[in-house]
Amino acid sequence: MTETRLRSVLYMPGINQRAMDKAKTLDCDAVVFDLEDAVAPDRKAEARELVLAQLAGGGYGERSLVVRANGLDTPWGEDDLRAFAGVERICLPKVESIDQLRAARALIGAEVTLWAMVETPRGIAEVECICAEPGLEAILMGTTDLAYQLRIPHRPDRLGLLYALSKCVNAARMHGKVALDGVFLDIRDADAYRQNCEHGRALGFDGKTLIHPSQIDAANAVFGVSDEQLAHARRVIEAWEAAEAAGKGVAVLDDKLVETMHVDEARRMLALAEATA
């Protein structure tokens, strides 16, 4: 079994050479080189060249590297996609239909893995179709833009976003995609950020998108596998295998019935722990 390791996905401005270099030393699972929101219009071409050079230089180890391109409805989107047609992953902003994914695919080829930002009401409405598209690996929640368009106030419990968040997780699970929670903007409030991570984990997200290196450790802890969880997963598998060896139809652990789904989840935990070791 393989398990995708995307607990912490850090956005880095594609125009900031120093920040992109620093990302080589950070304990995040993925780096997204951002050419969209983080770059002013008059510096788009410069940022594109900087990111191309950064990727060519390497040095990021096993981190997943992603380029967030500008949308095809902007003056820079097509040039971005043509320039990065040879990279491993491209993230598309404000995806609202499979037509956007297919238009991008026509420019970058079948080998490039796509990520899709879901950050508009129409994107939420179409997320099941978006997740069904072949070659798509992950959907990323754009909660800041989404809250603005839905006219939802920012609250710790994210009450107004619950429908959209859960719908996206459900769509991702239907089609075997990774679901990544949106960013948390207040980098000074570590306690509130930790609660936000735990809220995302409780909703079923696989990991968290981040805007600052100080947010990495909490995301890795919350979306990773704790020692206690790892020990329990091993005990579940041992109980299951012992029951099978004894010819028993059921397994019991700590006076609780162990079913196939529990074994599958335990094996997924072990695979995730191995991937993040």
C-alpha atoms as a PDB file:
ATOM      1  CA  MET A   1       0.000   0.000   0.000  1.00  0.00           C
ATOM      2  CA  THR A   2       1.193   3.522  -0.794  1.00  0.00           C
ATOM      3  CA  GLU A   3       0.030   6.659   0.946  1.00  0.00           C
ATOM      4  CA  THR A   4       0.334  10.228  -0.279  1.00  0.00           C
ATOM      5  CA  ARG A   5       2.323  12.396   2.099  1.00  0.00           C
ATOM      6  CA  LEU A   6       0.837  15.885   1.986  1.00  0.00           C
ATOM      7  CA  ARG A   7       0.362  16.930   5.589  1.00  0.00           C
ATOM      8  CA  SER A   8       1.902  20.382   5.090  1.00  0.00           C
ATOM      9  CA  VAL A   9       1.744  22.205   1.749  1.00  0.00           C
ATOM     10  CA  LEU A  10       3.562  25.541   1.853  1.00  0.00           C
ATOM     11  CA  TYR A  11       2.863  28.375  -0.583  1.00  0.00           C
ATOM     12  CA  MET A  12       5.990  30.294  -1.553  1.00  0.00           C
ATOM     13  CA  PRO A  13       5.887  33.556  -3.558  1.00  0.00           C
ATOM     14  CA  GLY A  14       7.398  32.880  -6.959  1.00  0.00           C
ATOM     15  CA  ILE A  15       9.001  36.309  -6.907  1.00  0.00           C
ATOM     16  CA  ASN A  16      10.866  35.784  -3.602  1.00  0.00           C
ATOM     17  CA  GLN A  17      14.200  34.077  -4.271  1.00  0.00           C
ATOM     18  CA  ARG A  18      15.200  33.980  -0.623  1.00  0.00           C
ATOM     19  CA  ALA A  19      11.936  32.346   0.478  1.00  0.00           C
ATOM     20  CA  MET A  20      12.147  29.732  -2.261  1.00  0.00           C
ATOM     21  CA  ASP A  21      15.707  28.877  -1.242  1.00  0.00           C
ATOM     22  CA  LYS A  22      14.687  28.600   2.408  1.00  0.00           C
ATOM     23  CA  ALA A  23      11.991  26.083   1.499  1.00  0.00           C
ATOM     24  CA  LYS A  24      14.768  23.578   0.735  1.00  0.00           C
ATOM     25  CA  THR A  25      15.477  23.360   4.460  1.00  0.00           C
ATOM     26  CA  LEU A  26      11.918  23.279   5.802  1.00  0.00           C
ATOM     27  CA  ASP A  27      10.088  20.177   7.004  1.00  0.00           C
ATOM     28  CA  CYS A  28       7.059  20.632   4.750  1.00  0.00           C
ATOM     29  CA  ASP A  29       5.788  17.846   2.526  1.00  0.00           C
ATOM     30  CA  ALA A  30       5.199  20.047  -0.511  1.00  0.00           C
ATOM     31  CA  VAL A  31       6.145  23.476  -1.829  1.00  0.00           C
ATOM     32  CA  VAL A  32       3.810  25.427  -4.093  1.00  0.00           C
ATOM     33  CA  PHE A  33       5.635  28.091  -6.104  1.00  0.00           C
ATOM     34  CA  ASP A  34       2.926  30.722  -6.432  1.00  0.00           C
ATOM     35  CA  LEU A  35       2.762  32.781  -9.627  1.00  0.00           C
ATOM     36  CA  GLU A  36      -0.809  33.920  -9.025  1.00  0.00           C
ATOM     37  CA  ASP A  37      -1.867  35.774  -5.863  1.00  0.00           C
ATOM     38  CA  ALA A  38       1.663  36.324  -4.569  1.00  0.00           C
ATOM     39  CA  VAL A  39       2.982  38.138  -7.665  1.00  0.00           C
ATOM     40  CA  ALA A  40       2.084  41.631  -8.870  1.00  0.00           C
ATOM     41  CA  PRO A  41       0.963  41.941 -12.509  1.00  0.00           C
ATOM     42  CA  ASP A  42       4.068  43.815 -13.608  1.00  0.00           C
ATOM     43  CA  ARG A  43       6.345  41.061 -12.232  1.00  0.00           C
ATOM     44  CA  LYS A  44       4.594  37.955 -13.597  1.00  0.00           C
ATOM     45  CA  ALA A  45       7.150  37.284 -16.327  1.00  0.00           C
ATOM     46  CA  GLU A  46      10.056  37.811 -13.910  1.00  0.00           C
ATOM     47  CA  ALA A  47       8.547  35.396 -11.388  1.00  0.00           C
ATOM     48  CA  ARG A  48       8.029  32.781 -14.091  1.00  0.00           C
ATOM     49  CA  GLU A  49      11.729  32.852 -14.954  1.00  0.00           C
ATOM     50  CA  LEU A  50      12.746  32.730 -11.290  1.00  0.00           C
ATOM     51  CA  VAL A  51      10.631  29.641 -10.641  1.00  0.00           C
ATOM     52  CA  LEU A  52      11.910  27.924 -13.780  1.00  0.00           C
ATOM     53  CA  ALA A  53      15.467  28.471 -12.552  1.00  0.00           C
ATOM     54  CA  GLN A  54      14.543  27.313  -9.052  1.00  0.00           C
ATOM     55  CA  LEU A  55      13.116  24.043 -10.310  1.00  0.00           C
ATOM     56  CA  ALA A  56      16.091  23.465 -12.587  1.00  0.00           C
ATOM     57  CA  GLY A  57      18.461  23.981  -9.661  1.00  0.00           C
ATOM     58  CA  GLY A  58      16.823  21.286  -7.529  1.00  0.00           C
ATOM     59  CA  GLY A  59      17.791  20.713  -3.917  1.00  0.00           C
ATOM     60  CA  TYR A  60      14.306  20.096  -2.533  1.00  0.00           C
ATOM     61  CA  GLY A  61      14.783  16.443  -1.673  1.00  0.00           C
ATOM     62  CA  GLU A  62      11.610  14.360  -1.506  1.00  0.00           C
ATOM     63  CA  ARG A  63       9.249  17.321  -1.197  1.00  0.00           C
ATOM     64  CA  SER A  64       6.503  17.474  -3.794  1.00  0.00           C
ATOM     65  CA  LEU A  65       7.013  20.559  -5.968  1.00  0.00           C
ATOM     66  CA  VAL A  66       4.038  22.329  -7.494  1.00  0.00           C
ATOM     67  CA  VAL A  67       3.700  25.465  -9.627  1.00  0.00           C
ATOM     68  CA  ARG A  68       0.525  27.480  -9.108  1.00  0.00           C
ATOM     69  CA  ALA A  69      -0.057  29.050 -12.498  1.00  0.00           C
ATOM     70  CA  ASN A  70      -2.237  31.992 -13.349  1.00  0.00           C
ATOM     71  CA  GLY A  71      -5.654  31.147 -14.726  1.00  0.00           C
ATOM     72  CA  LEU A  72      -6.173  30.729 -18.445  1.00  0.00           C
ATOM     73  CA  ASP A  73      -8.588  33.658 -18.329  1.00  0.00           C
ATOM     74  CA  THR A  74      -5.688  35.996 -17.468  1.00  0.00           C
ATOM     75  CA  PRO A  75      -2.988  37.455 -19.747  1.00  0.00           C
ATOM     76  CA  TRP A  76      -0.349  35.205 -18.127  1.00  0.00           C
ATOM     77  CA  GLY A  77      -2.021  31.812 -17.806  1.00  0.00           C
ATOM     78  CA  GLU A  78      -1.208  30.336 -21.207  1.00  0.00           C
ATOM     79  CA  ASP A  79       2.431  31.452 -21.018  1.00  0.00           C
ATOM     80  CA  ASP A  80       2.705  29.911 -17.549  1.00  0.00           C
ATOM     81  CA  LEU A  81       1.387  26.552 -18.686  1.00  0.00           C
ATOM     82  CA  ARG A  82       3.565  26.432 -21.789  1.00  0.00           C
ATOM     83  CA  ALA A  83       6.649  27.375 -19.753  1.00  0.00           C
ATOM     84  CA  PHE A  84       6.058  24.670 -17.138  1.00  0.00           C
ATOM     85  CA  ALA A  85       4.844  21.896 -19.414  1.00  0.00           C
ATOM     86  CA  GLY A  86       7.732  19.694 -18.279  1.00  0.00           C
ATOM     87  CA  VAL A  87       7.235  19.973 -14.511  1.00  0.00           C
ATOM     88  CA  GLU A  88       5.724  17.256 -12.347  1.00  0.00           C
ATOM     89  CA  ARG A  89       2.753  19.161 -10.930  1.00  0.00           C
ATOM     90  CA  ILE A  90       0.725  22.234 -11.900  1.00  0.00           C
ATOM     91  CA  CYS A  91      -1.900  23.832  -9.664  1.00  0.00           C
ATOM     92  CA  LEU A  92      -4.738  25.672 -11.387  1.00  0.00           C
ATOM     93  CA  PRO A  93      -6.560  28.476  -9.549  1.00  0.00           C
ATOM     94  CA  LYS A  94     -10.308  28.985  -9.318  1.00  0.00           C
ATOM     95  CA  VAL A  95     -11.267  25.774 -11.079  1.00  0.00           C
ATOM     96  CA  GLU A  96     -14.979  25.675 -11.822  1.00  0.00           C
ATOM     97  CA  SER A  97     -15.307  23.025 -14.525  1.00  0.00           C
ATOM     98  CA  ILE A  98     -13.575  20.084 -16.151  1.00  0.00           C
ATOM     99  CA  ASP A  99     -13.246  22.231 -19.274  1.00  0.00           C
ATOM    100  CA  GLN A 100     -10.594  24.305 -17.474  1.00  0.00           C
ATOM    101  CA  LEU A 101      -8.663  21.170 -16.575  1.00  0.00           C
ATOM    102  CA  ARG A 102      -8.854  19.867 -20.119  1.00  0.00           C
ATOM    103  CA  ALA A 103      -7.805  23.192 -21.624  1.00  0.00           C
ATOM    104  CA  ALA A 104      -4.762  23.170 -19.354  1.00  0.00           C
ATOM    105  CA  ARG A 105      -4.041  19.559 -20.229  1.00  0.00           C
ATOM    106  CA  ALA A 106      -3.986  20.458 -23.916  1.00  0.00           C
ATOM    107  CA  LEU A 107      -1.141  22.876 -23.232  1.00  0.00           C
ATOM    108  CA  ILE A 108       0.949  20.850 -20.772  1.00  0.00           C
ATOM    109  CA  GLY A 109       0.457  17.262 -21.947  1.00  0.00           C
ATOM    110  CA  ALA A 110      -0.687  14.118 -20.220  1.00  0.00           C
ATOM    111  CA  GLU A 111       2.438  13.589 -18.097  1.00  0.00           C
ATOM    112  CA  VAL A 112       1.921  16.568 -15.782  1.00  0.00           C
ATOM    113  CA  THR A 113      -0.148  15.947 -12.640  1.00  0.00           C
ATOM    114  CA  LEU A 114      -2.840  18.534 -11.943  1.00  0.00           C
ATOM    115  CA  TRP A 115      -3.960  20.095  -8.686  1.00  0.00           C
ATOM    116  CA  ALA A 116      -7.158  22.156  -8.601  1.00  0.00           C
ATOM    117  CA  MET A 117      -8.007  25.103  -6.384  1.00  0.00           C
ATOM    118  CA  VAL A 118     -11.689  25.074  -5.405  1.00  0.00           C
ATOM    119  CA  GLU A 119     -12.485  28.566  -4.183  1.00  0.00           C
ATOM    120  CA  THR A 120     -15.749  29.785  -5.730  1.00  0.00           C
ATOM    121  CA  PRO A 121     -19.434  28.867  -5.350  1.00  0.00           C
ATOM    122  CA  ARG A 122     -19.448  27.413  -8.871  1.00  0.00           C
ATOM    123  CA  GLY A 123     -16.340  25.378  -8.051  1.00  0.00           C
ATOM    124  CA  ILE A 124     -18.098  23.894  -5.030  1.00  0.00           C
ATOM    125  CA  ALA A 125     -21.147  23.085  -7.161  1.00  0.00           C
ATOM    126  CA  GLU A 126     -18.979  21.269  -9.734  1.00  0.00           C
ATOM    127  CA  VAL A 127     -16.446  19.659  -7.403  1.00  0.00           C
ATOM    128  CA  GLU A 128     -17.647  16.096  -7.941  1.00  0.00           C
ATOM    129  CA  CYS A 129     -17.137  16.407 -11.710  1.00  0.00           C
ATOM    130  CA  ILE A 130     -13.775  18.099 -11.151  1.00  0.00           C
ATOM    131  CA  CYS A 131     -12.579  15.276  -8.890  1.00  0.00           C
ATOM    132  CA  ALA A 132     -13.611  12.682 -11.459  1.00  0.00           C
ATOM    133  CA  GLU A 133     -11.155  14.039 -14.028  1.00  0.00           C
ATOM    134  CA  PRO A 134      -8.224  11.657 -14.750  1.00  0.00           C
ATOM    135  CA  GLY A 135      -4.784  13.017 -13.965  1.00  0.00           C
ATOM    136  CA  LEU A 136      -6.007  15.150 -11.080  1.00  0.00           C
ATOM    137  CA  GLU A 137      -4.210  14.352  -7.822  1.00  0.00           C
ATOM    138  CA  ALA A 138      -5.490  16.899  -5.311  1.00  0.00           C
ATOM    139  CA  ILE A 139      -8.064  19.567  -4.640  1.00  0.00           C
ATOM    140  CA  LEU A 140      -7.102  22.554  -2.508  1.00  0.00           C
ATOM    141  CA  MET A 141      -9.648  24.620  -0.636  1.00  0.00           C
ATOM    142  CA  GLY A 142      -9.422  28.348  -1.269  1.00  0.00           C
ATOM    143  CA  THR A 143     -11.340  29.254   1.867  1.00  0.00           C
ATOM    144  CA  THR A 144     -10.411  32.955   1.893  1.00  0.00           C
ATOM    145  CA  ASP A 145     -11.847  33.685  -1.549  1.00  0.00           C
ATOM    146  CA  LEU A 146     -14.761  31.336  -0.972  1.00  0.00           C
ATOM    147  CA  ALA A 147     -15.779  33.019   2.278  1.00  0.00           C
ATOM    148  CA  TYR A 148     -15.632  36.403   0.582  1.00  0.00           C
ATOM    149  CA  GLN A 149     -17.831  35.307  -2.316  1.00  0.00           C
ATOM    150  CA  LEU A 150     -20.315  33.600   0.000  1.00  0.00           C
ATOM    151  CA  ARG A 151     -20.352  36.676   2.298  1.00  0.00           C
ATOM    152  CA  ILE A 152     -19.444  34.506   5.253  1.00  0.00           C
ATOM    153  CA  PRO A 153     -17.801  36.058   8.350  1.00  0.00           C
ATOM    154  CA  HIS A 154     -14.620  34.437   9.596  1.00  0.00           C
ATOM    155  CA  ARG A 155     -15.410  32.335  12.673  1.00  0.00           C
ATOM    156  CA  PRO A 156     -13.282  29.789  14.555  1.00  0.00           C
ATOM    157  CA  ASP A 157     -15.871  27.060  13.913  1.00  0.00           C
ATOM    158  CA  ARG A 158     -16.064  27.924  10.171  1.00  0.00           C
ATOM    159  CA  LEU A 159     -19.817  27.420  10.411  1.00  0.00           C
ATOM    160  CA  GLY A 160     -20.654  28.987   7.075  1.00  0.00           C
ATOM    161  CA  LEU A 161     -18.057  26.900   5.236  1.00  0.00           C
ATOM    162  CA  LEU A 162     -18.976  23.491   6.626  1.00  0.00           C
ATOM    163  CA  TYR A 163     -21.165  22.491   3.683  1.00  0.00           C
ATOM    164  CA  ALA A 164     -18.488  23.398   1.136  1.00  0.00           C
ATOM    165  CA  LEU A 165     -15.656  21.788   3.103  1.00  0.00           C
ATOM    166  CA  SER A 166     -17.498  18.521   3.648  1.00  0.00           C
ATOM    167  CA  LYS A 167     -18.722  18.385   0.063  1.00  0.00           C
ATOM    168  CA  CYS A 168     -15.157  18.697  -1.208  1.00  0.00           C
ATOM    169  CA  VAL A 169     -13.875  15.989   1.126  1.00  0.00           C
ATOM    170  CA  ASN A 170     -16.692  13.702   0.029  1.00  0.00           C
ATOM    171  CA  ALA A 171     -15.935  14.338  -3.655  1.00  0.00           C
ATOM    172  CA  ALA A 172     -12.249  13.637  -3.076  1.00  0.00           C
ATOM    173  CA  ARG A 173     -13.022  10.352  -1.338  1.00  0.00           C
ATOM    174  CA  MET A 174     -15.420   9.315  -4.108  1.00  0.00           C
ATOM    175  CA  HIS A 175     -12.673   9.594  -6.685  1.00  0.00           C
ATOM    176  CA  GLY A 176      -9.523   8.793  -4.721  1.00  0.00           C
ATOM    177  CA  LYS A 177      -8.080  12.318  -4.646  1.00  0.00           C
ATOM    178  CA  VAL A 178      -6.170  14.164  -1.930  1.00  0.00           C
ATOM    179  CA  ALA A 179      -8.129  16.895  -0.114  1.00  0.00           C
ATOM    180  CA  LEU A 180      -6.168  19.824   1.312  1.00  0.00           C
ATOM    181  CA  ASP A 181      -7.675  22.322   3.732  1.00  0.00           C
ATOM    182  CA  GLY A 182      -7.414  26.087   3.202  1.00  0.00           C
ATOM    183  CA  VAL A 183      -4.909  28.479   4.727  1.00  0.00           C
ATOM    184  CA  PHE A 184      -5.059  30.133   8.153  1.00  0.00           C
ATOM    185  CA  LEU A 185      -4.177  33.816   7.895  1.00  0.00           C
ATOM    186  CA  ASP A 186      -3.223  34.846  11.461  1.00  0.00           C
ATOM    187  CA  ILE A 187       0.334  33.547  11.798  1.00  0.00           C
ATOM    188  CA  ARG A 188       0.643  35.019  15.314  1.00  0.00           C
ATOM    189  CA  ASP A 189      -2.168  32.999  16.923  1.00  0.00           C
ATOM    190  CA  ALA A 190      -0.634  29.543  17.277  1.00  0.00           C
ATOM    191  CA  ASP A 191      -3.454  28.157  19.440  1.00  0.00           C
ATOM    192  CA  ALA A 192      -6.190  29.196  17.033  1.00  0.00           C
ATOM    193  CA  TYR A 193      -4.177  27.821  14.136  1.00  0.00           C
ATOM    194  CA  ARG A 194      -3.764  24.461  15.864  1.00  0.00           C
ATOM    195  CA  GLN A 195      -7.525  24.325  16.459  1.00  0.00           C
ATOM    196  CA  ASN A 196      -8.078  25.144  12.788  1.00  0.00           C
ATOM    197  CA  CYS A 197      -5.836  22.214  11.791  1.00  0.00           C
ATOM    198  CA  GLU A 198      -7.689  19.869  14.129  1.00  0.00           C
ATOM    199  CA  HIS A 199     -10.994  21.071  12.709  1.00  0.00           C
ATOM    200  CA  GLY A 200      -9.782  20.237   9.207  1.00  0.00           C
ATOM    201  CA  ARG A 201      -8.571  16.822  10.295  1.00  0.00           C
ATOM    202  CA  ALA A 202     -11.940  16.127  11.930  1.00  0.00           C
ATOM    203  CA  LEU A 203     -13.654  16.973   8.633  1.00  0.00           C
ATOM    204  CA  GLY A 204     -11.488  14.431   6.830  1.00  0.00           C
ATOM    205  CA  PHE A 205      -8.833  16.537   5.093  1.00  0.00           C
ATOM    206  CA  ASP A 206      -5.491  14.914   4.335  1.00  0.00           C
ATOM    207  CA  GLY A 207      -3.381  17.986   4.991  1.00  0.00           C
ATOM    208  CA  LYS A 208      -3.202  21.753   5.274  1.00  0.00           C
ATOM    209  CA  THR A 209      -2.123  24.521   2.917  1.00  0.00           C
ATOM    210  CA  LEU A 210       0.166  27.017   4.664  1.00  0.00           C
ATOM    211  CA  ILE A 211       1.339  30.597   4.223  1.00  0.00           C
ATOM    212  CA  HIS A 212       4.258  30.648   6.677  1.00  0.00           C
ATOM    213  CA  PRO A 213       7.021  28.242   7.802  1.00  0.00           C
ATOM    214  CA  SER A 214       5.938  28.639  11.438  1.00  0.00           C
ATOM    215  CA  GLN A 215       2.771  26.687  10.572  1.00  0.00           C
ATOM    216  CA  ILE A 216       4.547  23.542   9.379  1.00  0.00           C
ATOM    217  CA  ASP A 217       5.096  21.702  12.659  1.00  0.00           C
ATOM    218  CA  ALA A 218       1.481  21.838  13.807  1.00  0.00           C
ATOM    219  CA  ALA A 219       0.206  20.669  10.411  1.00  0.00           C
ATOM    220  CA  ASN A 220       2.640  17.754  10.400  1.00  0.00           C
ATOM    221  CA  ALA A 221       1.580  16.764  13.901  1.00  0.00           C
ATOM    222  CA  VAL A 222      -2.176  17.038  13.391  1.00  0.00           C
ATOM    223  CA  PHE A 223      -2.297  15.443   9.950  1.00  0.00           C
ATOM    224  CA  GLY A 224       0.408  12.889  10.674  1.00  0.00           C
ATOM    225  CA  VAL A 225       0.322   9.707  12.738  1.00  0.00           C
ATOM    226  CA  SER A 226       1.025   9.906  16.464  1.00  0.00           C
ATOM    227  CA  ASP A 227       2.931   7.214  18.348  1.00  0.00           C
ATOM    228  CA  GLU A 228      -0.315   6.217  20.058  1.00  0.00           C
ATOM    229  CA  GLN A 229      -2.153   5.879  16.741  1.00  0.00           C
ATOM    230  CA  LEU A 230       0.711   3.904  15.257  1.00  0.00           C
ATOM    231  CA  ALA A 231       0.799   1.486  18.199  1.00  0.00           C
ATOM    232  CA  HIS A 232      -2.960   0.973  18.019  1.00  0.00           C
ATOM    233  CA  ALA A 233      -2.825   0.333  14.266  1.00  0.00           C
ATOM    234  CA  ARG A 234      -0.229  -2.377  14.788  1.00  0.00           C
ATOM    235  CA  ARG A 235      -2.346  -4.005  17.484  1.00  0.00           C
ATOM    236  CA  VAL A 236      -5.397  -3.998  15.190  1.00  0.00           C
ATOM    237  CA  ILE A 237      -3.468  -5.769  12.447  1.00  0.00           C
ATOM    238  CA  GLU A 238      -1.969  -8.250  14.894  1.00  0.00           C
ATOM    239  CA  ALA A 239      -5.404  -9.087  16.323  1.00  0.00           C
ATOM    240  CA  TRP A 240      -6.830  -9.541  12.846  1.00  0.00           C
ATOM    241  CA  GLU A 241      -3.999 -11.768  11.668  1.00  0.00           C
ATOM    242  CA  ALA A 242      -4.165 -13.848  14.870  1.00  0.00           C
ATOM    243  CA  ALA A 243      -7.900 -14.384  14.379  1.00  0.00           C
ATOM    244  CA  GLU A 244      -7.361 -15.437  10.776  1.00  0.00           C
ATOM    245  CA  ALA A 245      -4.595 -17.854  11.770  1.00  0.00           C
ATOM    246  CA  ALA A 246      -6.880 -19.413  14.377  1.00  0.00           C
ATOM    247  CA  GLY A 247      -9.667 -19.836  11.853  1.00  0.00           C
ATOM    248  CA  LYS A 248     -11.950 -17.415  13.649  1.00  0.00           C
ATOM    249  CA  GLY A 249     -14.531 -15.419  11.740  1.00  0.00           C
ATOM    250  CA  VAL A 250     -14.087 -12.284  13.822  1.00  0.00           C
ATOM    251  CA  ALA A 251     -11.341 -10.501  15.711  1.00  0.00           C
ATOM    252  CA  VAL A 252     -11.705  -8.654  19.007  1.00  0.00           C
ATOM    253  CA  LEU A 253      -9.361  -6.028  20.454  1.00  0.00           C
ATOM    254  CA  ASP A 254      -9.953  -4.360  23.825  1.00  0.00           C
ATOM    255  CA  ASP A 255     -13.477  -5.852  23.889  1.00  0.00           C
ATOM    256  CA  LYS A 256     -14.287  -4.224  20.544  1.00  0.00           C
ATOM    257  CA  LEU A 257     -15.070  -5.985  17.287  1.00  0.00           C
ATOM    258  CA  VAL A 258     -12.429  -5.521  14.589  1.00  0.00           C
ATOM    259  CA  GLU A 259     -13.865  -5.357  11.082  1.00  0.00           C
ATOM    260  CA  THR A 260     -12.199  -5.210   7.676  1.00  0.00           C
ATOM    261  CA  MET A 261     -12.586  -1.446   7.511  1.00  0.00           C
ATOM    262  CA  HIS A 262     -10.621  -1.095  10.759  1.00  0.00           C
ATOM    263  CA  VAL A 263      -7.809  -3.216   9.334  1.00  0.00           C
ATOM    264  CA  ASP A 264      -7.738  -1.190   6.130  1.00  0.00           C
ATOM    265  CA  GLU A 265      -7.529   2.034   8.119  1.00  0.00           C
ATOM    266  CA  ALA A 266      -4.765   0.588  10.309  1.00  0.00           C
ATOM    267  CA  ARG A 267      -2.762  -0.349   7.225  1.00  0.00           C
ATOM    268  CA  ARG A 268      -3.307   3.132   5.801  1.00  0.00           C
ATOM    269  CA  MET A 269      -1.955   4.601   9.044  1.00  0.00           C
ATOM    270  CA  LEU A 270       1.133   2.405   8.842  1.00  0.00           C
ATOM    271  CA  ALA A 271       1.710   3.433   5.225  1.00  0.00           C
ATOM    272  CA  LEU A 272       1.347   7.118   6.115  1.00  0.00           C
ATOM    273  CA  ALA A 273       3.740   6.729   9.034  1.00  0.00           C
ATOM    274  CA  GLU A 274       6.263   5.070   6.756  1.00  0.00           C
ATOM    275  CA  ALA A 275       5.905   7.821   4.159  1.00  0.00           C
ATOM    276  CA  THR A 276       6.448  10.548   6.761  1.00  0.00           C
ATOM    277  CA  ALA A 277       9.280   8.848   8.657  1.00  0.00           C
END
